[in-house]
Every structure is written in structure tokens, then in C-alpha cells.
PDB file of N, CA and C in Angstrom:
ATOM      1  N   MET A   1     -34.408  44.318 186.874  1.00  0.00           N
ATOM      2  CA  MET A   1     -35.441  45.104 187.502  1.00  0.00           C
ATOM      3  C   MET A   1     -34.788  45.923 188.599  1.00  0.00           C
ATOM      4  N   PRO A   2     -35.043  47.230 188.631  1.00  0.00           N
ATOM      5  CA  PRO A   2     -34.451  48.065 189.657  1.00  0.00           C
ATOM      6  C   PRO A   2     -34.906  47.665 191.052  1.00  0.00           C
ATOM      7  N   SER A   3     -34.007  47.804 192.002  1.00  0.00           N
ATOM      8  CA  SER A   3     -34.329  47.475 193.387  1.00  0.00           C
ATOM      9  C   SER A   3     -35.490  48.333 193.863  1.00  0.00           C
ATOM     10  N   GLY A   4     -36.397  47.718 194.603  1.00  0.00           N
ATOM     11  CA  GLY A   4     -37.538  48.446 195.150  1.00  0.00           C
ATOM     12  C   GLY A   4     -38.734  48.524 194.221  1.00  0.00           C
ATOM     13  N   LYS A   5     -38.575  48.092 192.998  1.00  0.00           N
ATOM     14  CA  LYS A   5     -39.681  48.118 192.047  1.00  0.00           C
ATOM     15  C   LYS A   5     -40.399  46.782 192.105  1.00  0.00           C
ATOM     16  N   SER A   6     -41.728  46.811 192.180  1.00  0.00           N
ATOM     17  CA  SER A   6     -42.487  45.570 192.280  1.00  0.00           C
ATOM     18  C   SER A   6     -42.459  44.819 190.959  1.00  0.00           C
ATOM     19  N   PHE A   7     -42.699  43.509 191.053  1.00  0.00           N
ATOM     20  CA  PHE A   7     -42.754  42.686 189.848  1.00  0.00           C
ATOM     21  C   PHE A   7     -43.857  43.166 188.912  1.00  0.00           C
ATOM     22  N   GLU A   8     -44.990  43.567 189.491  1.00  0.00           N
ATOM     23  CA  GLU A   8     -46.101  44.035 188.674  1.00  0.00           C
ATOM     24  C   GLU A   8     -45.711  45.281 187.888  1.00  0.00           C
ATOM     25  N   ASP A   9     -45.000  46.217 188.539  1.00  0.00           N
ATOM     26  CA  ASP A   9     -44.545  47.423 187.848  1.00  0.00           C
ATOM     27  C   ASP A   9     -43.549  47.067 186.746  1.00  0.00           C
ATOM     28  N   HIS A  10     -42.667  46.136 187.054  1.00  0.00           N
ATOM     29  CA  HIS A  10     -41.690  45.688 186.066  1.00  0.00           C
ATOM     30  C   HIS A  10     -42.388  45.058 184.865  1.00  0.00           C
ATOM     31  N   LEU A  11     -43.378  44.221 185.121  1.00  0.00           N
ATOM     32  CA  LEU A  11     -44.121  43.572 184.043  1.00  0.00           C
ATOM     33  C   LEU A  11     -44.900  44.602 183.228  1.00  0.00           C
ATOM     34  N   ASP A  12     -45.461  45.616 183.898  1.00  0.00           N
ATOM     35  CA  ASP A  12     -46.147  46.689 183.175  1.00  0.00           C
ATOM     36  C   ASP A  12     -45.186  47.417 182.238  1.00  0.00           C
ATOM     37  N   ASP A  13     -43.982  47.711 182.722  1.00  0.00           N
ATOM     38  CA  ASP A  13     -42.967  48.360 181.884  1.00  0.00           C
ATOM     39  C   ASP A  13     -42.619  47.492 180.681  1.00  0.00           C
ATOM     40  N   PHE A  14     -42.452  46.203 180.943  1.00  0.00           N
ATOM     41  CA  PHE A  14     -42.117  45.266 179.868  1.00  0.00           C
ATOM     42  C   PHE A  14     -43.232  45.238 178.820  1.00  0.00           C
ATOM     43  N   ASN A  15     -44.479  45.153 179.272  1.00  0.00           N
ATOM     44  CA  ASN A  15     -45.610  45.124 178.343  1.00  0.00           C
ATOM     45  C   ASN A  15     -45.699  46.417 177.543  1.00  0.00           C
ATOM     46  N   THR A  16     -45.381  47.543 178.170  1.00  0.00           N
ATOM     47  CA  THR A  16     -45.378  48.823 177.469  1.00  0.00           C
ATOM     48  C   THR A  16     -44.354  48.819 176.345  1.00  0.00           C
ATOM     49  N   ILE A  17     -43.181  48.271 176.609  1.00  0.00           N
ATOM     50  CA  ILE A  17     -42.142  48.179 175.582  1.00  0.00           C
ATOM     51  C   ILE A  17     -42.614  47.317 174.415  1.00  0.00           C
ATOM     52  N   ILE A  18     -43.235  46.175 174.736  1.00  0.00           N
ATOM     53  CA  ILE A  18     -43.739  45.281 173.675  1.00  0.00           C
ATOM     54  C   ILE A  18     -44.803  45.993 172.841  1.00  0.00           C
ATOM     55  N   LEU A  19     -45.713  46.712 173.498  1.00  0.00           N
ATOM     56  CA  LEU A  19     -46.759  47.450 172.771  1.00  0.00           C
ATOM     57  C   LEU A  19     -46.159  48.574 171.931  1.00  0.00           C
ATOM     58  N   ASP A  20     -45.158  49.260 172.461  1.00  0.00           N
ATOM     59  CA  ASP A  20     -44.485  50.310 171.693  1.00  0.00           C
ATOM     60  C   ASP A  20     -43.835  49.737 170.435  1.00  0.00           C
ATOM     61  N   LEU A  21     -43.232  48.571 170.569  1.00  0.00           N
ATOM     62  CA  LEU A  21     -42.637  47.917 169.400  1.00  0.00           C
ATOM     63  C   LEU A  21     -43.703  47.549 168.378  1.00  0.00           C
ATOM     64  N   GLU A  22     -44.832  47.037 168.850  1.00  0.00           N
ATOM     65  CA  GLU A  22     -45.926  46.684 167.939  1.00  0.00           C
ATOM     66  C   GLU A  22     -46.472  47.920 167.236  1.00  0.00           C
ATOM     67  N   ASN A  23     -46.499  49.070 167.940  1.00  0.00           N
ATOM     68  CA  ASN A  23     -46.998  50.307 167.343  1.00  0.00           C
ATOM     69  C   ASN A  23     -46.114  50.798 166.203  1.00  0.00           C
ATOM     70  N   ILE A  24     -44.857  50.416 166.219  1.00  0.00           N
ATOM     71  CA  ILE A  24     -43.981  50.781 165.101  1.00  0.00           C
ATOM     72  C   ILE A  24     -43.762  49.575 164.177  1.00  0.00           C
ATOM     73  N   GLU A  25     -44.723  48.651 164.257  1.00  0.00           N
ATOM     74  CA  GLU A  25     -44.796  47.490 163.379  1.00  0.00           C
ATOM     75  C   GLU A  25     -43.626  46.524 163.520  1.00  0.00           C
ATOM     76  N   ILE A  26     -43.138  46.378 164.744  1.00  0.00           N
ATOM     77  CA  ILE A  26     -42.141  45.357 165.048  1.00  0.00           C
ATOM     78  C   ILE A  26     -42.831  44.308 165.893  1.00  0.00           C
ATOM     79  N   LYS A  27     -43.004  43.130 165.320  1.00  0.00           N
ATOM     80  CA  LYS A  27     -43.692  42.036 166.013  1.00  0.00           C
ATOM     81  C   LYS A  27     -42.665  41.180 166.741  1.00  0.00           C
ATOM     82  N   VAL A  28     -42.863  41.045 168.043  1.00  0.00           N
ATOM     83  CA  VAL A  28     -42.002  40.189 168.851  1.00  0.00           C
ATOM     84  C   VAL A  28     -42.840  38.976 169.234  1.00  0.00           C
ATOM     85  N   ASP A  29     -42.468  37.790 168.714  1.00  0.00           N
ATOM     86  CA  ASP A  29     -43.290  36.609 168.987  1.00  0.00           C
ATOM     87  C   ASP A  29     -43.175  36.190 170.458  1.00  0.00           C
ATOM     88  N   ASP A  30     -44.084  35.351 170.854  1.00  0.00           N
ATOM     89  CA  ASP A  30     -44.236  34.960 172.256  1.00  0.00           C
ATOM     90  C   ASP A  30     -42.948  34.379 172.846  1.00  0.00           C
ATOM     91  N   GLU A  31     -42.298  33.503 172.110  1.00  0.00           N
ATOM     92  CA  GLU A  31     -41.081  32.869 172.622  1.00  0.00           C
ATOM     93  C   GLU A  31     -39.965  33.900 172.814  1.00  0.00           C
ATOM     94  N   ASP A  32     -39.856  34.854 171.895  1.00  0.00           N
ATOM     95  CA  ASP A  32     -38.855  35.910 172.051  1.00  0.00           C
ATOM     96  C   ASP A  32     -39.173  36.816 173.235  1.00  0.00           C
ATOM     97  N   GLN A  33     -40.453  37.057 173.479  1.00  0.00           N
ATOM     98  CA  GLN A  33     -40.841  37.855 174.648  1.00  0.00           C
ATOM     99  C   GLN A  33     -40.402  37.158 175.932  1.00  0.00           C
ATOM    100  N   VAL A  34     -40.575  35.847 175.974  1.00  0.00           N
ATOM    101  CA  VAL A  34     -40.151  35.081 177.142  1.00  0.00           C
ATOM    102  C   VAL A  34     -38.655  35.248 177.356  1.00  0.00           C
ATOM    103  N   LEU A  35     -37.890  35.092 176.289  1.00  0.00           N
ATOM    104  CA  LEU A  35     -36.441  35.235 176.410  1.00  0.00           C
ATOM    105  C   LEU A  35     -36.053  36.629 176.861  1.00  0.00           C
ATOM    106  N   LEU A  36     -36.702  37.641 176.301  1.00  0.00           N
ATOM    107  CA  LEU A  36     -36.399  39.010 176.718  1.00  0.00           C
ATOM    108  C   LEU A  36     -36.727  39.220 178.183  1.00  0.00           C
ATOM    109  N   LEU A  37     -37.897  38.784 178.579  1.00  0.00           N
ATOM    110  CA  LEU A  37     -38.328  38.968 179.957  1.00  0.00           C
ATOM    111  C   LEU A  37     -37.410  38.244 180.927  1.00  0.00           C
ATOM    112  N   LEU A  38     -37.053  37.026 180.606  1.00  0.00           N
ATOM    113  CA  LEU A  38     -36.242  36.230 181.521  1.00  0.00           C
ATOM    114  C   LEU A  38     -34.763  36.574 181.489  1.00  0.00           C
ATOM    115  N   LEU A  39     -34.201  36.614 180.317  1.00  0.00           N
ATOM    116  CA  LEU A  39     -32.756  36.730 180.215  1.00  0.00           C
ATOM    117  C   LEU A  39     -32.238  38.148 180.382  1.00  0.00           C
ATOM    118  N   ILE A  40     -33.027  39.116 180.046  1.00  0.00           N
ATOM    119  CA  ILE A  40     -32.545  40.490 180.097  1.00  0.00           C
ATOM    120  C   ILE A  40     -33.015  41.228 181.338  1.00  0.00           C
ATOM    121  N   SER A  41     -34.258  41.026 181.718  1.00  0.00           N
ATOM    122  CA  SER A  41     -34.821  41.958 182.678  1.00  0.00           C
ATOM    123  C   SER A  41     -35.046  41.453 184.096  1.00  0.00           C
ATOM    124  N   LEU A  42     -35.040  40.170 184.326  1.00  0.00           N
ATOM    125  CA  LEU A  42     -35.281  39.702 185.686  1.00  0.00           C
ATOM    126  C   LEU A  42     -33.997  39.733 186.512  1.00  0.00           C
ATOM    127  N   PRO A  43     -34.126  40.079 187.795  1.00  0.00           N
ATOM    128  CA  PRO A  43     -32.947  40.102 188.662  1.00  0.00           C
ATOM    129  C   PRO A  43     -32.454  38.695 188.980  1.00  0.00           C
ATOM    130  N   SER A  44     -31.267  38.621 189.513  1.00  0.00           N
ATOM    131  CA  SER A  44     -30.638  37.323 189.780  1.00  0.00           C
ATOM    132  C   SER A  44     -31.402  36.500 190.812  1.00  0.00           C
ATOM    133  N   GLN A  45     -32.247  37.104 191.612  1.00  0.00           N
ATOM    134  CA  GLN A  45     -33.006  36.338 192.606  1.00  0.00           C
ATOM    135  C   GLN A  45     -33.951  35.337 191.948  1.00  0.00           C
ATOM    136  N   HIS A  46     -34.177  35.473 190.649  1.00  0.00           N
ATOM    137  CA  HIS A  46     -35.062  34.556 189.921  1.00  0.00           C
ATOM    138  C   HIS A  46     -34.289  33.512 189.127  1.00  0.00           C
ATOM    139  N   ASP A  47     -32.989  33.404 189.340  1.00  0.00           N
ATOM    140  CA  ASP A  47     -32.176  32.472 188.562  1.00  0.00           C
ATOM    141  C   ASP A  47     -32.633  31.024 188.689  1.00  0.00           C
ATOM    142  N   SER A  48     -32.979  30.582 189.889  1.00  0.00           N
ATOM    143  CA  SER A  48     -33.394  29.186 190.048  1.00  0.00           C
ATOM    144  C   SER A  48     -34.720  28.920 189.338  1.00  0.00           C
ATOM    145  N   LEU A  49     -35.623  29.876 189.372  1.00  0.00           N
ATOM    146  CA  LEU A  49     -36.889  29.734 188.656  1.00  0.00           C
ATOM    147  C   LEU A  49     -36.628  29.718 187.148  1.00  0.00           C
ATOM    148  N   LEU A  50     -35.739  30.559 186.708  1.00  0.00           N
ATOM    149  CA  LEU A  50     -35.364  30.593 185.298  1.00  0.00           C
ATOM    150  C   LEU A  50     -34.835  29.240 184.840  1.00  0.00           C
ATOM    151  N   ASP A  51     -33.931  28.659 185.619  1.00  0.00           N
ATOM    152  CA  ASP A  51     -33.384  27.342 185.285  1.00  0.00           C
ATOM    153  C   ASP A  51     -34.488  26.296 185.201  1.00  0.00           C
ATOM    154  N   MET A  52     -35.390  26.313 186.170  1.00  0.00           N
ATOM    155  CA  MET A  52     -36.472  25.339 186.208  1.00  0.00           C
ATOM    156  C   MET A  52     -37.369  25.452 184.973  1.00  0.00           C
ATOM    157  N   LEU A  53     -37.648  26.684 184.554  1.00  0.00           N
ATOM    158  CA  LEU A  53     -38.547  26.896 183.431  1.00  0.00           C
ATOM    159  C   LEU A  53     -37.909  26.560 182.085  1.00  0.00           C
ATOM    160  N   ILE A  54     -36.638  26.847 181.938  1.00  0.00           N
ATOM    161  CA  ILE A  54     -35.991  26.733 180.634  1.00  0.00           C
ATOM    162  C   ILE A  54     -35.485  25.332 180.326  1.00  0.00           C
ATOM    163  N   TYR A  55     -34.755  24.730 181.237  1.00  0.00           N
ATOM    164  CA  TYR A  55     -34.074  23.478 180.923  1.00  0.00           C
ATOM    165  C   TYR A  55     -35.040  22.312 180.849  1.00  0.00           C
ATOM    166  N   GLY A  56     -34.851  21.488 179.823  1.00  0.00           N
ATOM    167  CA  GLY A  56     -35.679  20.308 179.642  1.00  0.00           C
ATOM    168  C   GLY A  56     -36.994  20.581 178.934  1.00  0.00           C
ATOM    169  N   ARG A  57     -37.152  21.763 178.350  1.00  0.00           N
ATOM    170  CA  ARG A  57     -38.384  22.095 177.648  1.00  0.00           C
ATOM    171  C   ARG A  57     -38.073  22.436 176.205  1.00  0.00           C
ATOM    172  N   ASP A  58     -38.982  22.086 175.330  1.00  0.00           N
ATOM    173  CA  ASP A  58     -38.827  22.441 173.928  1.00  0.00           C
ATOM    174  C   ASP A  58     -39.364  23.833 173.633  1.00  0.00           C
ATOM    175  N   SER A  59     -40.382  24.238 174.387  1.00  0.00           N
ATOM    176  CA  SER A  59     -40.954  25.565 174.187  1.00  0.00           C
ATOM    177  C   SER A  59     -41.460  26.098 175.526  1.00  0.00           C
ATOM    178  N   LEU A  60     -41.688  27.384 175.543  1.00  0.00           N
ATOM    179  CA  LEU A  60     -42.113  28.046 176.763  1.00  0.00           C
ATOM    180  C   LEU A  60     -42.939  29.256 176.372  1.00  0.00           C
ATOM    181  N   SER A  61     -44.112  29.400 176.961  1.00  0.00           N
ATOM    182  CA  SER A  61     -44.958  30.540 176.622  1.00  0.00           C
ATOM    183  C   SER A  61     -44.819  31.631 177.678  1.00  0.00           C
ATOM    184  N   LEU A  62     -45.131  32.837 177.273  1.00  0.00           N
ATOM    185  CA  LEU A  62     -45.080  33.967 178.192  1.00  0.00           C
ATOM    186  C   LEU A  62     -46.070  33.764 179.340  1.00  0.00           C
ATOM    187  N   ASP A  63     -47.226  33.207 179.055  1.00  0.00           N
ATOM    188  CA  ASP A  63     -48.218  32.954 180.104  1.00  0.00           C
ATOM    189  C   ASP A  63     -47.689  31.982 181.158  1.00  0.00           C
ATOM    190  N   GLU A  64     -46.940  30.963 180.727  1.00  0.00           N
ATOM    191  CA  GLU A  64     -46.365  30.014 181.685  1.00  0.00           C
ATOM    192  C   GLU A  64     -45.350  30.706 182.594  1.00  0.00           C
ATOM    193  N   VAL A  65     -44.559  31.591 182.024  1.00  0.00           N
ATOM    194  CA  VAL A  65     -43.565  32.311 182.818  1.00  0.00           C
ATOM    195  C   VAL A  65     -44.242  33.243 183.805  1.00  0.00           C
ATOM    196  N   LYS A  66     -45.231  33.991 183.335  1.00  0.00           N
ATOM    197  CA  LYS A  66     -45.963  34.901 184.231  1.00  0.00           C
ATOM    198  C   LYS A  66     -46.592  34.127 185.380  1.00  0.00           C
ATOM    199  N   ALA A  67     -47.228  33.005 185.071  1.00  0.00           N
ATOM    200  CA  ALA A  67     -47.876  32.202 186.110  1.00  0.00           C
ATOM    201  C   ALA A  67     -46.860  31.703 187.123  1.00  0.00           C
ATOM    202  N   ALA A  68     -45.723  31.219 186.661  1.00  0.00           N
ATOM    203  CA  ALA A  68     -44.694  30.726 187.575  1.00  0.00           C
ATOM    204  C   ALA A  68     -44.159  31.836 188.467  1.00  0.00           C
ATOM    205  N   LEU A  69     -43.953  33.018 187.907  1.00  0.00           N
ATOM    206  CA  LEU A  69     -43.449  34.136 188.707  1.00  0.00           C
ATOM    207  C   LEU A  69     -44.476  34.591 189.739  1.00  0.00           C
ATOM    208  N   PHE A  70     -45.733  34.646 189.338  1.00  0.00           N
ATOM    209  CA  PHE A  70     -46.770  35.038 190.291  1.00  0.00           C
ATOM    210  C   PHE A  70     -46.929  33.986 191.396  1.00  0.00           C
ATOM    211  N   LEU A  71     -46.842  32.704 191.042  1.00  0.00           N
ATOM    212  CA  LEU A  71     -46.924  31.649 192.059  1.00  0.00           C
ATOM    213  C   LEU A  71     -45.752  31.732 193.034  1.00  0.00           C
ATOM    214  N   LYS A  72     -44.571  32.020 192.511  1.00  0.00           N
ATOM    215  CA  LYS A  72     -43.401  32.171 193.375  1.00  0.00           C
ATOM    216  C   LYS A  72     -43.601  33.330 194.344  1.00  0.00           C
ATOM    217  N   LYS A  73     -44.128  34.434 193.832  1.00  0.00           N
ATOM    218  CA  LYS A  73     -44.379  35.601 194.684  1.00  0.00           C
ATOM    219  C   LYS A  73     -45.431  35.279 195.747  1.00  0.00           C
ATOM    220  N   LEU A  74     -46.502  34.603 195.364  1.00  0.00           N
ATOM    221  CA  LEU A  74     -47.554  34.245 196.307  1.00  0.00           C
ATOM    222  C   LEU A  74     -47.023  33.306 197.378  1.00  0.00           C
ATOM    223  N   LYS A  75     -46.234  32.325 196.979  1.00  0.00           N
ATOM    224  CA  LYS A  75     -45.647  31.388 197.940  1.00  0.00           C
ATOM    225  C   LYS A  75     -44.773  32.130 198.946  1.00  0.00           C
ATOM    226  N   LYS A  76     -43.965  33.045 198.465  1.00  0.00           N
ATOM    227  CA  LYS A  76     -43.095  33.825 199.341  1.00  0.00           C
ATOM    228  C   LYS A  76     -43.926  34.660 200.311  1.00  0.00           C
ATOM    229  N   LYS A  77     -44.999  35.246 199.806  1.00  0.00           N
ATOM    230  CA  LYS A  77     -45.884  36.068 200.639  1.00  0.00           C
ATOM    231  C   LYS A  77     -46.564  35.220 201.713  1.00  0.00           C
ATOM    232  N   LEU A  78     -47.051  34.028 201.335  1.00  0.00           N
ATOM    233  CA  LEU A  78     -47.711  33.138 202.283  1.00  0.00           C
ATOM    234  C   LEU A  78     -46.742  32.605 203.329  1.00  0.00           C
ATOM    235  N   GLU A  79     -45.502  32.326 202.922  1.00  0.00           N
ATOM    236  CA  GLU A  79     -44.498  31.857 203.871  1.00  0.00           C
ATOM    237  C   GLU A  79     -44.146  32.929 204.881  1.00  0.00           C
ATOM    238  N   GLY A  80     -44.305  34.196 204.480  1.00  0.00           N
ATOM    239  CA  GLY A  80     -44.037  35.305 205.386  1.00  0.00           C
ATOM    240  C   GLY A  80     -45.181  35.569 206.340  1.00  0.00           C
ATOM    241  N   GLY A  81     -46.285  34.852 206.163  1.00  0.00           N
ATOM    242  CA  GLY A  81     -47.428  34.974 207.062  1.00  0.00           C
ATOM    243  C   GLY A  81     -48.440  36.015 206.640  1.00  0.00           C
ATOM    244  N   GLY A  82     -48.201  36.739 205.560  1.00  0.00           N
ATOM    245  CA  GLY A  82     -49.129  37.772 205.137  1.00  0.00           C
ATOM    246  C   GLY A  82     -49.926  37.355 203.932  1.00  0.00           C
ATOM    247  N   TYR A  83     -51.023  38.024 203.706  1.00  0.00           N
ATOM    248  CA  TYR A  83     -51.837  37.788 202.512  1.00  0.00           C
ATOM    249  C   TYR A  83     -51.735  38.986 201.670  1.00  0.00           C
TER     250      TYR A  83
END
């Protein structure tokens, strides 16, 4: 993710790519979307979250990853004193 770009903007870009692929009849299943989102596009600041989500699990859904990333962002925001 480029520096200065919000996670929401990054996720919107990612979703646009997935929809573009579907429009040309390329289906990317949920587990592959998770791998693409995590392994290719997230910056290194999310490495510890990535490790926590991936290791010791048999499967992982995109919704679980999104929820974990949003919770991490909210926690960081609350620790900074802002809402």
C-alpha cells in the first residue's frame, strides 16, 4: 500500500481489482483473495497481524482478515486518544 493512502482506500482498490477480474470471468475464491490481500498488498507494518492470522489455522476468510485489520486500526486510533 502506498504511503499516505488509507486502509479504506487500499481496500477499495483491492475490491475494484477483484470485481474487474470477475467482469472478465476470472473467479478468485475467498481464500485466494485473502492471500492476495495479505501477502502482496499490505505494508510491512501489518506483518505481526499477518503472522497471527495465518499460522495455526487451516482456513481463513476475507471477512476475518478485514475485521482484524479494522480492529487493529480502531485500537491504534483509541490508543492515540482520538475517535
